[in-house]
Amino acid sequence: MTALTATDDGVLDRSRRALADTWTITLRDLQHWRNRPGMIAFNWLFPVLLMSMFIGLLGGAFGAATGASYIDFVMPGAFAMAMFFGLEGTMIAVSTDASRGVTDRFRSLPMSGAAVTAGRCVADMINSAVGLTVVVMAGLLFGWRPESAAPAIAAGFALLLLLRFAMLWIGVFIGLKTKSQEAVTAIQVGVWPLLFLSSVFIDTSTMPRWLGTIAEANPLSATATAVRELFGNPSFAGQSWFADNAVLLAVVWPTLIVLGFLPLSASAYRHLRR
């Protein structure tokens, strides 16, 4: 009984230290808000700027073709886009820390190894929640309104944060694996085709059938379409199995991404070489 108690106390002590270390890393990452307020504000407002451009450029054509409000169609996509763009922020921050030797210094300290990535995750999720709030407020100012009950709206926002959580682990893995800022920039350019080959801004039924099916299979499309359904906003007629099962896929895709990239990120952290 004494041995069990001692073991339990040891586990509790390690857990408390790991939580304390995680919070320390989180606070360290959040300090960047104060040190770089302009960059942080730009990251929060960039999805709003992009959304405004597409409302101005495509809103009239979409409304004329469908009779629906483009802003009600595009806003859930803009929310998904904001969560998707968080991938870039995580990737850059992790790569910068690794290239400057900060990550190596953390590894040399008597602290939990999981705390470094966990702290990064907590800070980035807080950052993303604030960014999502900014985009939602902008949408409300532009005239967007959700049409569903509160539980469905809450489920929609939960799916958006789930997508961000999945993108976070991809960002951590890529950030640890990239060897230079030039490589990070090249990967950032590759992010954009994934954004545009989706249902974020455009009804995929207007695409050639084969291309529309590929766009609907995009995890970003699954979240955007699912959120439209949950918010009661206009969506597109199902053109494929992916479109008809968007809510299911909005859970399955991020879950698969986390299951794949979380262990890959942990392995990359343990074997980091610069």
C-alpha atoms as a PDB file:
ATOM      1  CA  MET A   1       0.000   0.000   0.000  1.00  0.00           C
ATOM      2  CA  THR A   2       2.865   2.336   0.863  1.00  0.00           C
ATOM      3  CA  ALA A   3       4.603   1.573  -2.424  1.00  0.00           C
ATOM      4  CA  LEU A   4       1.428   2.310  -4.364  1.00  0.00           C
ATOM      5  CA  THR A   5       0.987   5.585  -2.531  1.00  0.00           C
ATOM      6  CA  ALA A   6       4.569   6.595  -3.238  1.00  0.00           C
ATOM      7  CA  THR A   7       4.139   5.734  -6.903  1.00  0.00           C
ATOM      8  CA  ASP A   8       0.913   7.704  -7.108  1.00  0.00           C
ATOM      9  CA  ASP A   9       2.579  10.691  -5.454  1.00  0.00           C
ATOM     10  CA  GLY A  10       5.410  10.501  -7.990  1.00  0.00           C
ATOM     11  CA  VAL A  11       2.973  10.447 -10.889  1.00  0.00           C
ATOM     12  CA  LEU A  12       1.079  13.400  -9.441  1.00  0.00           C
ATOM     13  CA  ASP A  13       4.297  15.358  -8.951  1.00  0.00           C
ATOM     14  CA  ARG A  14       5.382  14.715 -12.545  1.00  0.00           C
ATOM     15  CA  SER A  15       1.950  15.703 -13.790  1.00  0.00           C
ATOM     16  CA  ARG A  16       2.029  18.940 -11.822  1.00  0.00           C
ATOM     17  CA  ARG A  17       5.510  19.756 -13.120  1.00  0.00           C
ATOM     18  CA  ALA A  18       4.432  19.002 -16.674  1.00  0.00           C
ATOM     19  CA  LEU A  19       1.407  21.288 -16.334  1.00  0.00           C
ATOM     20  CA  ALA A  20       3.547  24.020 -14.783  1.00  0.00           C
ATOM     21  CA  ASP A  21       6.119  23.696 -17.577  1.00  0.00           C
ATOM     22  CA  THR A  22       3.360  23.793 -20.190  1.00  0.00           C
ATOM     23  CA  TRP A  23       1.936  26.968 -18.709  1.00  0.00           C
ATOM     24  CA  THR A  24       5.410  28.536 -18.586  1.00  0.00           C
ATOM     25  CA  ILE A  25       5.932  27.840 -22.295  1.00  0.00           C
ATOM     26  CA  THR A  26       2.421  29.127 -23.050  1.00  0.00           C
ATOM     27  CA  LEU A  27       3.140  32.414 -21.269  1.00  0.00           C
ATOM     28  CA  ARG A  28       6.460  32.683 -23.082  1.00  0.00           C
ATOM     29  CA  ASP A  29       4.703  32.289 -26.454  1.00  0.00           C
ATOM     30  CA  LEU A  30       1.958  34.735 -25.485  1.00  0.00           C
ATOM     31  CA  GLN A  31       4.622  37.343 -24.692  1.00  0.00           C
ATOM     32  CA  HIS A  32       5.021  37.700 -28.456  1.00  0.00           C
ATOM     33  CA  TRP A  33       1.630  39.438 -28.503  1.00  0.00           C
ATOM     34  CA  ARG A  34       3.154  42.296 -26.532  1.00  0.00           C
ATOM     35  CA  ASN A  35       6.467  42.255 -28.376  1.00  0.00           C
ATOM     36  CA  ARG A  36       4.928  42.118 -31.871  1.00  0.00           C
ATOM     37  CA  PRO A  37       1.452  43.674 -31.616  1.00  0.00           C
ATOM     38  CA  GLY A  38       1.422  44.809 -35.245  1.00  0.00           C
ATOM     39  CA  MET A  39       2.125  41.341 -36.610  1.00  0.00           C
ATOM     40  CA  ILE A  40      -0.405  39.708 -34.299  1.00  0.00           C
ATOM     41  CA  ALA A  41      -3.104  42.234 -35.258  1.00  0.00           C
ATOM     42  CA  PHE A  42      -2.332  41.698 -38.962  1.00  0.00           C
ATOM     43  CA  ASN A  43      -2.706  37.936 -38.555  1.00  0.00           C
ATOM     44  CA  TRP A  44      -6.121  38.458 -36.940  1.00  0.00           C
ATOM     45  CA  LEU A  45      -7.289  40.921 -39.592  1.00  0.00           C
ATOM     46  CA  PHE A  46      -5.886  39.272 -42.723  1.00  0.00           C
ATOM     47  CA  PRO A  47      -8.798  36.798 -43.063  1.00  0.00           C
ATOM     48  CA  VAL A  48     -11.175  39.765 -42.754  1.00  0.00           C
ATOM     49  CA  LEU A  49      -9.340  41.569 -45.546  1.00  0.00           C
ATOM     50  CA  LEU A  50      -9.406  38.518 -47.797  1.00  0.00           C
ATOM     51  CA  MET A  51     -13.059  37.896 -47.024  1.00  0.00           C
ATOM     52  CA  SER A  52     -13.911  41.513 -47.867  1.00  0.00           C
ATOM     53  CA  MET A  53     -12.164  41.214 -51.216  1.00  0.00           C
ATOM     54  CA  PHE A  54     -14.090  38.115 -52.184  1.00  0.00           C
ATOM     55  CA  ILE A  55     -17.408  39.597 -51.064  1.00  0.00           C
ATOM     56  CA  GLY A  56     -16.743  42.573 -53.304  1.00  0.00           C
ATOM     57  CA  LEU A  57     -15.434  40.557 -56.247  1.00  0.00           C
ATOM     58  CA  LEU A  58     -17.748  37.539 -56.227  1.00  0.00           C
ATOM     59  CA  GLY A  59     -20.761  38.574 -54.175  1.00  0.00           C
ATOM     60  CA  GLY A  60     -22.754  40.044 -57.061  1.00  0.00           C
ATOM     61  CA  ALA A  61     -22.112  37.138 -59.415  1.00  0.00           C
ATOM     62  CA  PHE A  62     -23.002  34.547 -56.781  1.00  0.00           C
ATOM     63  CA  GLY A  63     -26.227  36.313 -55.837  1.00  0.00           C
ATOM     64  CA  ALA A  64     -27.287  36.717 -59.467  1.00  0.00           C
ATOM     65  CA  ALA A  65     -26.656  33.048 -60.231  1.00  0.00           C
ATOM     66  CA  THR A  66     -28.235  31.501 -57.134  1.00  0.00           C
ATOM     67  CA  GLY A  67     -30.531  34.109 -55.634  1.00  0.00           C
ATOM     68  CA  ALA A  68     -28.827  33.548 -52.267  1.00  0.00           C
ATOM     69  CA  SER A  69     -26.780  35.936 -50.168  1.00  0.00           C
ATOM     70  CA  TYR A  70     -23.082  35.490 -50.859  1.00  0.00           C
ATOM     71  CA  ILE A  71     -22.090  36.811 -47.445  1.00  0.00           C
ATOM     72  CA  ASP A  72     -24.172  34.107 -45.753  1.00  0.00           C
ATOM     73  CA  PHE A  73     -22.502  31.525 -47.978  1.00  0.00           C
ATOM     74  CA  VAL A  74     -18.940  32.771 -47.611  1.00  0.00           C
ATOM     75  CA  MET A  75     -18.781  33.580 -43.891  1.00  0.00           C
ATOM     76  CA  PRO A  76     -18.599  29.943 -42.663  1.00  0.00           C
ATOM     77  CA  GLY A  77     -15.904  29.409 -45.287  1.00  0.00           C
ATOM     78  CA  ALA A  78     -14.062  32.459 -43.997  1.00  0.00           C
ATOM     79  CA  PHE A  79     -14.161  31.004 -40.482  1.00  0.00           C
ATOM     80  CA  ALA A  80     -12.649  27.751 -41.777  1.00  0.00           C
ATOM     81  CA  MET A  81     -10.059  29.750 -43.714  1.00  0.00           C
ATOM     82  CA  ALA A  82      -9.009  31.596 -40.545  1.00  0.00           C
ATOM     83  CA  MET A  83      -8.469  28.276 -38.765  1.00  0.00           C
ATOM     84  CA  PHE A  84      -6.593  26.871 -41.763  1.00  0.00           C
ATOM     85  CA  PHE A  85      -4.246  29.870 -41.913  1.00  0.00           C
ATOM     86  CA  GLY A  86      -3.206  29.129 -38.333  1.00  0.00           C
ATOM     87  CA  LEU A  87      -1.048  26.389 -39.870  1.00  0.00           C
ATOM     88  CA  GLU A  88       1.329  29.039 -41.188  1.00  0.00           C
ATOM     89  CA  GLY A  89       1.688  30.820 -37.849  1.00  0.00           C
ATOM     90  CA  THR A  90       2.506  27.601 -35.993  1.00  0.00           C
ATOM     91  CA  MET A  91       4.912  26.472 -38.683  1.00  0.00           C
ATOM     92  CA  ILE A  92       6.833  29.761 -38.690  1.00  0.00           C
ATOM     93  CA  ALA A  93       7.023  30.018 -34.879  1.00  0.00           C
ATOM     94  CA  VAL A  94       8.228  26.438 -34.406  1.00  0.00           C
ATOM     95  CA  SER A  95      10.745  26.680 -37.253  1.00  0.00           C
ATOM     96  CA  THR A  96      12.109  29.977 -35.932  1.00  0.00           C
ATOM     97  CA  ASP A  97      12.611  28.569 -32.422  1.00  0.00           C
ATOM     98  CA  ALA A  98      14.319  25.473 -33.811  1.00  0.00           C
ATOM     99  CA  SER A  99      16.624  27.367 -36.183  1.00  0.00           C
ATOM    100  CA  ARG A 100      17.704  29.786 -33.448  1.00  0.00           C
ATOM    101  CA  GLY A 101      18.542  27.005 -31.009  1.00  0.00           C
ATOM    102  CA  VAL A 102      15.700  27.878 -28.628  1.00  0.00           C
ATOM    103  CA  THR A 103      14.191  24.412 -28.918  1.00  0.00           C
ATOM    104  CA  ASP A 104      17.568  22.798 -28.178  1.00  0.00           C
ATOM    105  CA  ARG A 105      17.901  24.918 -25.033  1.00  0.00           C
ATOM    106  CA  PHE A 106      14.446  23.795 -23.914  1.00  0.00           C
ATOM    107  CA  ARG A 107      15.461  20.179 -24.449  1.00  0.00           C
ATOM    108  CA  SER A 108      18.536  20.645 -22.274  1.00  0.00           C
ATOM    109  CA  LEU A 109      16.496  21.967 -19.341  1.00  0.00           C
ATOM    110  CA  PRO A 110      15.080  19.732 -16.577  1.00  0.00           C
ATOM    111  CA  MET A 111      11.535  20.086 -17.843  1.00  0.00           C
ATOM    112  CA  SER A 112       8.902  17.915 -19.445  1.00  0.00           C
ATOM    113  CA  GLY A 113       9.629  17.316 -23.123  1.00  0.00           C
ATOM    114  CA  ALA A 114       5.909  17.379 -23.917  1.00  0.00           C
ATOM    115  CA  ALA A 115       5.582  20.831 -22.334  1.00  0.00           C
ATOM    116  CA  VAL A 116       7.313  22.593 -25.238  1.00  0.00           C
ATOM    117  CA  THR A 117       4.873  21.416 -27.896  1.00  0.00           C
ATOM    118  CA  ALA A 118       1.918  21.454 -25.503  1.00  0.00           C
ATOM    119  CA  GLY A 119       2.639  25.056 -24.533  1.00  0.00           C
ATOM    120  CA  ARG A 120       2.896  25.982 -28.202  1.00  0.00           C
ATOM    121  CA  CYS A 121      -0.459  24.309 -28.788  1.00  0.00           C
ATOM    122  CA  VAL A 122      -2.209  26.127 -25.940  1.00  0.00           C
ATOM    123  CA  ALA A 123      -0.852  29.517 -27.021  1.00  0.00           C
ATOM    124  CA  ASP A 124      -1.806  28.937 -30.649  1.00  0.00           C
ATOM    125  CA  MET A 125      -5.312  27.783 -29.746  1.00  0.00           C
ATOM    126  CA  ILE A 126      -5.814  30.934 -27.666  1.00  0.00           C
ATOM    127  CA  ASN A 127      -4.503  33.010 -30.556  1.00  0.00           C
ATOM    128  CA  SER A 128      -6.848  31.234 -32.971  1.00  0.00           C
ATOM    129  CA  ALA A 129      -9.860  31.679 -30.696  1.00  0.00           C
ATOM    130  CA  VAL A 130      -9.213  35.421 -30.628  1.00  0.00           C
ATOM    131  CA  GLY A 131      -8.711  35.475 -34.396  1.00  0.00           C
ATOM    132  CA  LEU A 132     -11.958  33.569 -34.948  1.00  0.00           C
ATOM    133  CA  THR A 133     -13.781  36.044 -32.704  1.00  0.00           C
ATOM    134  CA  VAL A 134     -12.449  38.927 -34.816  1.00  0.00           C
ATOM    135  CA  VAL A 135     -13.696  37.309 -38.049  1.00  0.00           C
ATOM    136  CA  VAL A 136     -17.096  36.542 -36.495  1.00  0.00           C
ATOM    137  CA  MET A 137     -17.487  40.143 -35.329  1.00  0.00           C
ATOM    138  CA  ALA A 138     -16.549  41.393 -38.790  1.00  0.00           C
ATOM    139  CA  GLY A 139     -19.118  39.052 -40.350  1.00  0.00           C
ATOM    140  CA  LEU A 140     -21.818  40.338 -38.028  1.00  0.00           C
ATOM    141  CA  LEU A 141     -20.925  43.915 -38.977  1.00  0.00           C
ATOM    142  CA  PHE A 142     -21.154  42.987 -42.676  1.00  0.00           C
ATOM    143  CA  GLY A 143     -24.636  41.567 -42.166  1.00  0.00           C
ATOM    144  CA  TRP A 144     -24.032  37.832 -41.721  1.00  0.00           C
ATOM    145  CA  ARG A 145     -26.331  36.024 -39.317  1.00  0.00           C
ATOM    146  CA  PRO A 146     -26.504  32.368 -38.256  1.00  0.00           C
ATOM    147  CA  GLU A 147     -30.007  30.934 -38.583  1.00  0.00           C
ATOM    148  CA  SER A 148     -29.805  27.882 -36.301  1.00  0.00           C
ATOM    149  CA  ALA A 149     -30.347  27.246 -32.620  1.00  0.00           C
ATOM    150  CA  ALA A 150     -27.578  27.783 -30.088  1.00  0.00           C
ATOM    151  CA  PRO A 151     -26.523  24.087 -29.784  1.00  0.00           C
ATOM    152  CA  ALA A 152     -25.984  23.799 -33.556  1.00  0.00           C
ATOM    153  CA  ILE A 153     -24.041  27.066 -33.616  1.00  0.00           C
ATOM    154  CA  ALA A 154     -21.856  25.860 -30.723  1.00  0.00           C
ATOM    155  CA  ALA A 155     -21.223  22.602 -32.603  1.00  0.00           C
ATOM    156  CA  GLY A 156     -20.163  24.606 -35.658  1.00  0.00           C
ATOM    157  CA  PHE A 157     -17.604  26.570 -33.685  1.00  0.00           C
ATOM    158  CA  ALA A 158     -16.371  23.340 -32.079  1.00  0.00           C
ATOM    159  CA  LEU A 159     -15.709  21.912 -35.561  1.00  0.00           C
ATOM    160  CA  LEU A 160     -13.790  25.051 -36.497  1.00  0.00           C
ATOM    161  CA  LEU A 161     -11.553  24.752 -33.432  1.00  0.00           C
ATOM    162  CA  LEU A 162     -11.103  21.033 -34.131  1.00  0.00           C
ATOM    163  CA  LEU A 163      -9.819  21.917 -37.610  1.00  0.00           C
ATOM    164  CA  ARG A 164      -7.405  24.409 -36.071  1.00  0.00           C
ATOM    165  CA  PHE A 165      -6.182  21.804 -33.593  1.00  0.00           C
ATOM    166  CA  ALA A 166      -5.453  19.426 -36.466  1.00  0.00           C
ATOM    167  CA  MET A 167      -3.665  22.120 -38.501  1.00  0.00           C
ATOM    168  CA  LEU A 168      -1.603  22.926 -35.428  1.00  0.00           C
ATOM    169  CA  TRP A 169       0.054  19.503 -35.424  1.00  0.00           C
ATOM    170  CA  ILE A 170       0.833  19.717 -39.116  1.00  0.00           C
ATOM    171  CA  GLY A 171       2.438  23.103 -38.409  1.00  0.00           C
ATOM    172  CA  VAL A 172       4.509  21.722 -35.527  1.00  0.00           C
ATOM    173  CA  PHE A 173       5.761  18.816 -37.636  1.00  0.00           C
ATOM    174  CA  ILE A 174       6.660  20.937 -40.657  1.00  0.00           C
ATOM    175  CA  GLY A 175       8.254  23.599 -38.444  1.00  0.00           C
ATOM    176  CA  LEU A 176      10.508  21.014 -36.816  1.00  0.00           C
ATOM    177  CA  LYS A 177      11.426  19.418 -40.144  1.00  0.00           C
ATOM    178  CA  THR A 178      12.181  22.498 -42.233  1.00  0.00           C
ATOM    179  CA  LYS A 179      15.844  23.459 -42.342  1.00  0.00           C
ATOM    180  CA  SER A 180      15.535  27.134 -43.315  1.00  0.00           C
ATOM    181  CA  GLN A 181      13.143  30.049 -43.585  1.00  0.00           C
ATOM    182  CA  GLU A 182      13.300  29.699 -47.371  1.00  0.00           C
ATOM    183  CA  ALA A 183      11.821  26.213 -47.055  1.00  0.00           C
ATOM    184  CA  VAL A 184       9.068  27.565 -44.816  1.00  0.00           C
ATOM    185  CA  THR A 185       8.246  30.224 -47.421  1.00  0.00           C
ATOM    186  CA  ALA A 186       8.044  27.587 -50.160  1.00  0.00           C
ATOM    187  CA  ILE A 187       5.634  25.522 -48.080  1.00  0.00           C
ATOM    188  CA  GLN A 188       3.530  28.627 -47.375  1.00  0.00           C
ATOM    189  CA  VAL A 189       3.074  29.109 -51.116  1.00  0.00           C
ATOM    190  CA  GLY A 190       1.860  25.526 -51.342  1.00  0.00           C
ATOM    191  CA  VAL A 191      -0.848  26.213 -48.766  1.00  0.00           C
ATOM    192  CA  TRP A 192      -2.783  28.523 -51.089  1.00  0.00           C
ATOM    193  CA  PRO A 193      -3.828  25.926 -53.707  1.00  0.00           C
ATOM    194  CA  LEU A 194      -5.389  23.882 -50.903  1.00  0.00           C
ATOM    195  CA  LEU A 195      -7.402  26.939 -49.880  1.00  0.00           C
ATOM    196  CA  PHE A 196      -8.710  27.747 -53.344  1.00  0.00           C
ATOM    197  CA  LEU A 197      -9.374  24.125 -54.331  1.00  0.00           C
ATOM    198  CA  SER A 198     -12.185  23.971 -51.793  1.00  0.00           C
ATOM    199  CA  SER A 199     -15.702  25.215 -51.145  1.00  0.00           C
ATOM    200  CA  VAL A 200     -14.544  28.124 -48.995  1.00  0.00           C
ATOM    201  CA  PHE A 201     -15.295  30.851 -51.551  1.00  0.00           C
ATOM    202  CA  ILE A 202     -17.045  29.098 -54.441  1.00  0.00           C
ATOM    203  CA  ASP A 203     -19.892  26.641 -54.896  1.00  0.00           C
ATOM    204  CA  THR A 204     -18.182  23.472 -56.117  1.00  0.00           C
ATOM    205  CA  SER A 205     -21.198  22.627 -58.282  1.00  0.00           C
ATOM    206  CA  THR A 206     -19.983  25.347 -60.671  1.00  0.00           C
ATOM    207  CA  MET A 207     -16.731  23.430 -61.230  1.00  0.00           C
ATOM    208  CA  PRO A 208     -16.232  20.545 -63.666  1.00  0.00           C
ATOM    209  CA  ARG A 209     -17.595  17.438 -61.957  1.00  0.00           C
ATOM    210  CA  TRP A 210     -14.201  15.771 -61.436  1.00  0.00           C
ATOM    211  CA  LEU A 211     -12.643  18.954 -60.062  1.00  0.00           C
ATOM    212  CA  GLY A 212     -15.635  19.630 -57.826  1.00  0.00           C
ATOM    213  CA  THR A 213     -15.326  16.163 -56.319  1.00  0.00           C
ATOM    214  CA  ILE A 214     -11.651  16.753 -55.539  1.00  0.00           C
ATOM    215  CA  ALA A 215     -12.523  20.110 -53.951  1.00  0.00           C
ATOM    216  CA  GLU A 216     -15.277  18.523 -51.859  1.00  0.00           C
ATOM    217  CA  ALA A 217     -12.824  15.885 -50.592  1.00  0.00           C
ATOM    218  CA  ASN A 218     -10.621  18.666 -49.196  1.00  0.00           C
ATOM    219  CA  PRO A 219     -10.773  18.634 -45.360  1.00  0.00           C
ATOM    220  CA  LEU A 220     -11.202  22.408 -45.488  1.00  0.00           C
ATOM    221  CA  SER A 221     -14.326  21.954 -47.619  1.00  0.00           C
ATOM    222  CA  ALA A 222     -15.726  19.420 -45.167  1.00  0.00           C
ATOM    223  CA  THR A 223     -15.485  21.887 -42.289  1.00  0.00           C
ATOM    224  CA  ALA A 224     -16.796  24.828 -44.332  1.00  0.00           C
ATOM    225  CA  THR A 225     -19.791  22.836 -45.613  1.00  0.00           C
ATOM    226  CA  ALA A 226     -20.532  21.330 -42.190  1.00  0.00           C
ATOM    227  CA  VAL A 227     -20.442  24.748 -40.544  1.00  0.00           C
ATOM    228  CA  ARG A 228     -22.805  26.135 -43.192  1.00  0.00           C
ATOM    229  CA  GLU A 229     -25.249  23.333 -42.418  1.00  0.00           C
ATOM    230  CA  LEU A 230     -24.976  23.812 -38.659  1.00  0.00           C
ATOM    231  CA  PHE A 231     -25.338  27.598 -38.892  1.00  0.00           C
ATOM    232  CA  GLY A 232     -28.301  27.308 -41.258  1.00  0.00           C
ATOM    233  CA  ASN A 233     -26.498  29.253 -43.988  1.00  0.00           C
ATOM    234  CA  PRO A 234     -26.871  28.502 -47.720  1.00  0.00           C
ATOM    235  CA  SER A 235     -24.754  25.666 -49.009  1.00  0.00           C
ATOM    236  CA  PHE A 236     -24.553  23.776 -52.290  1.00  0.00           C
ATOM    237  CA  ALA A 237     -26.406  20.694 -53.448  1.00  0.00           C
ATOM    238  CA  GLY A 238     -24.462  17.531 -52.742  1.00  0.00           C
ATOM    239  CA  GLN A 239     -22.443  16.590 -55.803  1.00  0.00           C
ATOM    240  CA  SER A 240     -20.634  13.669 -54.227  1.00  0.00           C
ATOM    241  CA  TRP A 241     -20.467  11.482 -51.154  1.00  0.00           C
ATOM    242  CA  PHE A 242     -18.043  13.982 -49.613  1.00  0.00           C
ATOM    243  CA  ALA A 243     -20.567  16.823 -49.835  1.00  0.00           C
ATOM    244  CA  ASP A 244     -23.427  14.685 -48.510  1.00  0.00           C
ATOM    245  CA  ASN A 245     -21.413  13.631 -45.440  1.00  0.00           C
ATOM    246  CA  ALA A 246     -19.650  16.903 -44.662  1.00  0.00           C
ATOM    247  CA  VAL A 247     -20.472  16.925 -40.922  1.00  0.00           C
ATOM    248  CA  LEU A 248     -19.071  13.422 -40.483  1.00  0.00           C
ATOM    249  CA  LEU A 249     -15.954  14.273 -42.470  1.00  0.00           C
ATOM    250  CA  ALA A 250     -15.465  17.502 -40.514  1.00  0.00           C
ATOM    251  CA  VAL A 251     -14.855  15.260 -37.509  1.00  0.00           C
ATOM    252  CA  VAL A 252     -13.074  12.383 -39.247  1.00  0.00           C
ATOM    253  CA  TRP A 253     -10.544  14.398 -41.272  1.00  0.00           C
ATOM    254  CA  PRO A 254      -9.141  16.434 -38.335  1.00  0.00           C
ATOM    255  CA  THR A 255      -9.113  13.337 -36.123  1.00  0.00           C
ATOM    256  CA  LEU A 256      -7.087  11.402 -38.689  1.00  0.00           C
ATOM    257  CA  ILE A 257      -4.712  14.344 -39.100  1.00  0.00           C
ATOM    258  CA  VAL A 258      -4.122  14.558 -35.340  1.00  0.00           C
ATOM    259  CA  LEU A 259      -3.615  10.785 -35.057  1.00  0.00           C
ATOM    260  CA  GLY A 260      -1.066  10.951 -37.848  1.00  0.00           C
ATOM    261  CA  PHE A 261       0.850  14.138 -37.120  1.00  0.00           C
ATOM    262  CA  LEU A 262       0.869  14.220 -33.309  1.00  0.00           C
ATOM    263  CA  PRO A 263       3.183  11.173 -33.012  1.00  0.00           C
ATOM    264  CA  LEU A 264       5.200  12.412 -35.997  1.00  0.00           C
ATOM    265  CA  SER A 265       5.657  15.764 -34.237  1.00  0.00           C
ATOM    266  CA  ALA A 266       6.708  14.059 -31.005  1.00  0.00           C
ATOM    267  CA  SER A 267       9.263  11.963 -32.888  1.00  0.00           C
ATOM    268  CA  ALA A 268      10.571  15.014 -34.784  1.00  0.00           C
ATOM    269  CA  TYR A 269      11.029  16.870 -31.488  1.00  0.00           C
ATOM    270  CA  ARG A 270      12.923  13.984 -29.896  1.00  0.00           C
ATOM    271  CA  HIS A 271      15.240  13.595 -32.893  1.00  0.00           C
ATOM    272  CA  LEU A 272      15.621  17.258 -33.805  1.00  0.00           C
ATOM    273  CA  ARG A 273      18.884  17.997 -35.580  1.00  0.00           C
ATOM    274  CA  ARG A 274      19.874  21.433 -36.871  1.00  0.00           C
END
